[in-house]
PDB file of N, CA and C in Angstrom:
ATOM      1  N   MET A   1       9.748 -21.774  27.792  1.00  0.00           N
ATOM      2  CA  MET A   1      10.519 -20.582  27.468  1.00  0.00           C
ATOM      3  C   MET A   1      10.299 -19.566  28.586  1.00  0.00           C
ATOM      4  N   SER A   2      11.362 -19.022  29.071  1.00  0.00           N
ATOM      5  CA  SER A   2      11.240 -18.047  30.142  1.00  0.00           C
ATOM      6  C   SER A   2      10.943 -16.670  29.576  1.00  0.00           C
ATOM      7  N   THR A   3      10.559 -15.759  30.437  1.00  0.00           N
ATOM      8  CA  THR A   3      10.216 -14.409  30.002  1.00  0.00           C
ATOM      9  C   THR A   3      11.432 -13.682  29.451  1.00  0.00           C
ATOM     10  N   SER A   4      12.585 -13.891  30.056  1.00  0.00           N
ATOM     11  CA  SER A   4      13.790 -13.206  29.582  1.00  0.00           C
ATOM     12  C   SER A   4      14.210 -13.711  28.207  1.00  0.00           C
ATOM     13  N   ALA A   5      13.985 -14.988  27.920  1.00  0.00           N
ATOM     14  CA  ALA A   5      14.327 -15.520  26.600  1.00  0.00           C
ATOM     15  C   ALA A   5      13.388 -14.944  25.540  1.00  0.00           C
ATOM     16  N   ALA A   6      12.111 -14.800  25.865  1.00  0.00           N
ATOM     17  CA  ALA A   6      11.157 -14.221  24.919  1.00  0.00           C
ATOM     18  C   ALA A   6      11.479 -12.757  24.666  1.00  0.00           C
ATOM     19  N   ALA A   7      11.878 -12.043  25.683  1.00  0.00           N
ATOM     20  CA  ALA A   7      12.224 -10.632  25.531  1.00  0.00           C
ATOM     21  C   ALA A   7      13.499 -10.468  24.712  1.00  0.00           C
ATOM     22  N   ALA A   8      14.424 -11.421  24.859  1.00  0.00           N
ATOM     23  CA  ALA A   8      15.672 -11.338  24.108  1.00  0.00           C
ATOM     24  C   ALA A   8      15.437 -11.608  22.629  1.00  0.00           C
ATOM     25  N   ASP A   9      14.456 -12.441  22.287  1.00  0.00           N
ATOM     26  CA  ASP A   9      14.171 -12.749  20.890  1.00  0.00           C
ATOM     27  C   ASP A   9      13.355 -11.658  20.199  1.00  0.00           C
ATOM     28  N   ALA A  10      12.621 -10.870  20.930  1.00  0.00           N
ATOM     29  CA  ALA A  10      11.712  -9.892  20.344  1.00  0.00           C
ATOM     30  C   ALA A  10      12.413  -8.861  19.449  1.00  0.00           C
ATOM     31  N   PRO A  11      13.510  -8.216  19.860  1.00  0.00           N
ATOM     32  CA  PRO A  11      14.117  -7.222  18.974  1.00  0.00           C
ATOM     33  C   PRO A  11      14.661  -7.830  17.682  1.00  0.00           C
ATOM     34  N   ALA A  12      15.165  -9.044  17.734  1.00  0.00           N
ATOM     35  CA  ALA A  12      15.731  -9.662  16.537  1.00  0.00           C
ATOM     36  C   ALA A  12      14.637  -9.964  15.521  1.00  0.00           C
ATOM     37  N   THR A  13      13.496 -10.455  15.975  1.00  0.00           N
ATOM     38  CA  THR A  13      12.431 -10.782  15.036  1.00  0.00           C
ATOM     39  C   THR A  13      11.679  -9.539  14.590  1.00  0.00           C
ATOM     40  N   ALA A  14      11.614  -8.527  15.422  1.00  0.00           N
ATOM     41  CA  ALA A  14      10.887  -7.308  15.052  1.00  0.00           C
ATOM     42  C   ALA A  14      11.564  -6.597  13.888  1.00  0.00           C
ATOM     43  N   SER A  15      12.892  -6.644  13.824  1.00  0.00           N
ATOM     44  CA  SER A  15      13.581  -5.960  12.736  1.00  0.00           C
ATOM     45  C   SER A  15      13.481  -6.726  11.422  1.00  0.00           C
ATOM     46  N   ARG A  16      13.172  -8.031  11.480  1.00  0.00           N
ATOM     47  CA  ARG A  16      13.084  -8.836  10.271  1.00  0.00           C
ATOM     48  C   ARG A  16      11.651  -9.039   9.792  1.00  0.00           C
ATOM     49  N   THR A  17      10.674  -8.670  10.575  1.00  0.00           N
ATOM     50  CA  THR A  17       9.286  -8.945  10.243  1.00  0.00           C
ATOM     51  C   THR A  17       8.827  -8.079   9.084  1.00  0.00           C
ATOM     52  N   ARG A  18       8.245  -8.725   8.082  1.00  0.00           N
ATOM     53  CA  ARG A  18       7.679  -8.015   6.932  1.00  0.00           C
ATOM     54  C   ARG A  18       6.185  -8.273   6.912  1.00  0.00           C
ATOM     55  N   THR A  19       5.410  -7.265   6.569  1.00  0.00           N
ATOM     56  CA  THR A  19       3.963  -7.403   6.570  1.00  0.00           C
ATOM     57  C   THR A  19       3.416  -7.742   5.193  1.00  0.00           C
ATOM     58  N   GLY A  20       4.248  -7.719   4.192  1.00  0.00           N
ATOM     59  CA  GLY A  20       3.773  -7.992   2.846  1.00  0.00           C
ATOM     60  C   GLY A  20       3.125  -6.783   2.191  1.00  0.00           C
ATOM     61  N   GLY A  21       3.381  -5.610   2.727  1.00  0.00           N
ATOM     62  CA  GLY A  21       2.794  -4.390   2.194  1.00  0.00           C
ATOM     63  C   GLY A  21       3.516  -3.908   0.952  1.00  0.00           C
ATOM     64  N   PRO A  22       3.155  -2.733   0.469  1.00  0.00           N
ATOM     65  CA  PRO A  22       3.765  -2.217  -0.758  1.00  0.00           C
ATOM     66  C   PRO A  22       5.232  -1.844  -0.562  1.00  0.00           C
ATOM     67  N   LYS A  23       5.908  -1.617  -1.672  1.00  0.00           N
ATOM     68  CA  LYS A  23       7.302  -1.190  -1.629  1.00  0.00           C
ATOM     69  C   LYS A  23       7.378   0.229  -1.042  1.00  0.00           C
ATOM     70  N   ASP A  24       8.562   0.781  -1.011  1.00  0.00           N
ATOM     71  CA  ASP A  24       8.752   2.115  -0.445  1.00  0.00           C
ATOM     72  C   ASP A  24       7.931   3.171  -1.164  1.00  0.00           C
ATOM     73  N   GLY A  25       7.774   3.070  -2.442  1.00  0.00           N
ATOM     74  CA  GLY A  25       7.000   4.052  -3.182  1.00  0.00           C
ATOM     75  C   GLY A  25       6.504   3.479  -4.485  1.00  0.00           C
ATOM     76  N   PRO A  26       5.316   3.874  -4.917  1.00  0.00           N
ATOM     77  CA  PRO A  26       4.799   3.362  -6.182  1.00  0.00           C
ATOM     78  C   PRO A  26       5.537   3.977  -7.371  1.00  0.00           C
ATOM     79  N   ASP A  27       5.508   3.271  -8.460  1.00  0.00           N
ATOM     80  CA  ASP A  27       6.173   3.750  -9.668  1.00  0.00           C
ATOM     81  C   ASP A  27       5.395   4.904 -10.283  1.00  0.00           C
ATOM     82  N   LEU A  28       6.067   5.671 -11.104  1.00  0.00           N
ATOM     83  CA  LEU A  28       5.435   6.795 -11.794  1.00  0.00           C
ATOM     84  C   LEU A  28       4.336   6.296 -12.734  1.00  0.00           C
ATOM     85  N   LEU A  29       4.585   5.187 -13.392  1.00  0.00           N
ATOM     86  CA  LEU A  29       3.589   4.629 -14.309  1.00  0.00           C
ATOM     87  C   LEU A  29       2.312   4.256 -13.568  1.00  0.00           C
ATOM     88  N   GLU A  30       2.449   3.727 -12.374  1.00  0.00           N
ATOM     89  CA  GLU A  30       1.270   3.366 -11.576  1.00  0.00           C
ATOM     90  C   GLU A  30       0.450   4.601 -11.241  1.00  0.00           C
ATOM     91  N   HIS A  31       1.109   5.698 -10.906  1.00  0.00           N
ATOM     92  CA  HIS A  31       0.403   6.953 -10.626  1.00  0.00           C
ATOM     93  C   HIS A  31      -0.326   7.449 -11.875  1.00  0.00           C
ATOM     94  N   LEU A  32       0.350   7.424 -13.005  1.00  0.00           N
ATOM     95  CA  LEU A  32      -0.252   7.922 -14.239  1.00  0.00           C
ATOM     96  C   LEU A  32      -1.467   7.093 -14.651  1.00  0.00           C
ATOM     97  N   VAL A  33      -1.362   5.788 -14.534  1.00  0.00           N
ATOM     98  CA  VAL A  33      -2.493   4.931 -14.897  1.00  0.00           C
ATOM     99  C   VAL A  33      -3.659   5.156 -13.944  1.00  0.00           C
ATOM    100  N   GLY A  34      -3.378   5.317 -12.667  1.00  0.00           N
ATOM    101  CA  GLY A  34      -4.437   5.556 -11.687  1.00  0.00           C
ATOM    102  C   GLY A  34      -5.170   6.861 -11.931  1.00  0.00           C
ATOM    103  N   TRP A  35      -4.413   7.932 -12.167  1.00  0.00           N
ATOM    104  CA  TRP A  35      -5.052   9.225 -12.408  1.00  0.00           C
ATOM    105  C   TRP A  35      -5.781   9.245 -13.747  1.00  0.00           C
ATOM    106  N   THR A  36      -5.266   8.534 -14.738  1.00  0.00           N
ATOM    107  CA  THR A  36      -5.962   8.438 -16.023  1.00  0.00           C
ATOM    108  C   THR A  36      -7.308   7.754 -15.839  1.00  0.00           C
ATOM    109  N   LEU A  37      -7.333   6.695 -15.048  1.00  0.00           N
ATOM    110  CA  LEU A  37      -8.590   6.008 -14.768  1.00  0.00           C
ATOM    111  C   LEU A  37      -9.575   6.925 -14.052  1.00  0.00           C
ATOM    112  N   VAL A  38      -9.102   7.701 -13.106  1.00  0.00           N
ATOM    113  CA  VAL A  38      -9.972   8.638 -12.384  1.00  0.00           C
ATOM    114  C   VAL A  38     -10.568   9.659 -13.339  1.00  0.00           C
ATOM    115  N   ILE A  39      -9.756  10.204 -14.217  1.00  0.00           N
ATOM    116  CA  ILE A  39     -10.227  11.235 -15.156  1.00  0.00           C
ATOM    117  C   ILE A  39     -11.220  10.649 -16.158  1.00  0.00           C
ATOM    118  N   VAL A  40     -10.925   9.449 -16.665  1.00  0.00           N
ATOM    119  CA  VAL A  40     -11.831   8.819 -17.626  1.00  0.00           C
ATOM    120  C   VAL A  40     -13.182   8.521 -16.969  1.00  0.00           C
ATOM    121  N   LEU A  41     -13.182   8.027 -15.749  1.00  0.00           N
ATOM    122  CA  LEU A  41     -14.440   7.770 -15.047  1.00  0.00           C
ATOM    123  C   LEU A  41     -15.213   9.055 -14.779  1.00  0.00           C
ATOM    124  N   ALA A  42     -14.514  10.111 -14.406  1.00  0.00           N
ATOM    125  CA  ALA A  42     -15.186  11.395 -14.175  1.00  0.00           C
ATOM    126  C   ALA A  42     -15.815  11.926 -15.459  1.00  0.00           C
ATOM    127  N   MET A  43     -15.107  11.796 -16.580  1.00  0.00           N
ATOM    128  CA  MET A  43     -15.672  12.242 -17.851  1.00  0.00           C
ATOM    129  C   MET A  43     -16.884  11.387 -18.239  1.00  0.00           C
ATOM    130  N   LEU A  44     -16.809  10.104 -18.000  1.00  0.00           N
ATOM    131  CA  LEU A  44     -17.911   9.213 -18.315  1.00  0.00           C
ATOM    132  C   LEU A  44     -19.149   9.564 -17.479  1.00  0.00           C
ATOM    133  N   PHE A  45     -18.955   9.804 -16.192  1.00  0.00           N
ATOM    134  CA  PHE A  45     -20.075  10.145 -15.328  1.00  0.00           C
ATOM    135  C   PHE A  45     -20.705  11.473 -15.706  1.00  0.00           C
ATOM    136  N   THR A  46     -19.886  12.464 -16.038  1.00  0.00           N
ATOM    137  CA  THR A  46     -20.456  13.762 -16.383  1.00  0.00           C
ATOM    138  C   THR A  46     -21.153  13.723 -17.751  1.00  0.00           C
ATOM    139  N   GLN A  47     -20.620  12.960 -18.690  1.00  0.00           N
ATOM    140  CA  GLN A  47     -21.254  12.866 -20.015  1.00  0.00           C
ATOM    141  C   GLN A  47     -22.590  12.124 -19.946  1.00  0.00           C
ATOM    142  N   THR A  48     -22.710  11.151 -19.060  1.00  0.00           N
ATOM    143  CA  THR A  48     -23.951  10.384 -18.954  1.00  0.00           C
ATOM    144  C   THR A  48     -24.944  11.030 -17.987  1.00  0.00           C
ATOM    145  N   GLY A  49     -24.572  12.110 -17.346  1.00  0.00           N
ATOM    146  CA  GLY A  49     -25.463  12.818 -16.449  1.00  0.00           C
ATOM    147  C   GLY A  49     -25.597  12.183 -15.072  1.00  0.00           C
ATOM    148  N   LEU A  50     -24.690  11.304 -14.721  1.00  0.00           N
ATOM    149  CA  LEU A  50     -24.755  10.670 -13.407  1.00  0.00           C
ATOM    150  C   LEU A  50     -24.181  11.560 -12.303  1.00  0.00           C
ATOM    151  N   MET A  51     -23.488  12.601 -12.696  1.00  0.00           N
ATOM    152  CA  MET A  51     -22.862  13.462 -11.698  1.00  0.00           C
ATOM    153  C   MET A  51     -23.341  14.878 -11.876  1.00  0.00           C
TER     154      MET A  51
END
């Protein structure tokens, strides 16, 4: 493969490459569950005297 052929293929594959990362934005339910977990853990730590 020549250098010019590799350079010609690069833009086409770069626009199609997916990394397997998260979607554009997390759902509202995911945020609520995450913050609920944070609050419950904070309450647990303060009640047990760990914090």
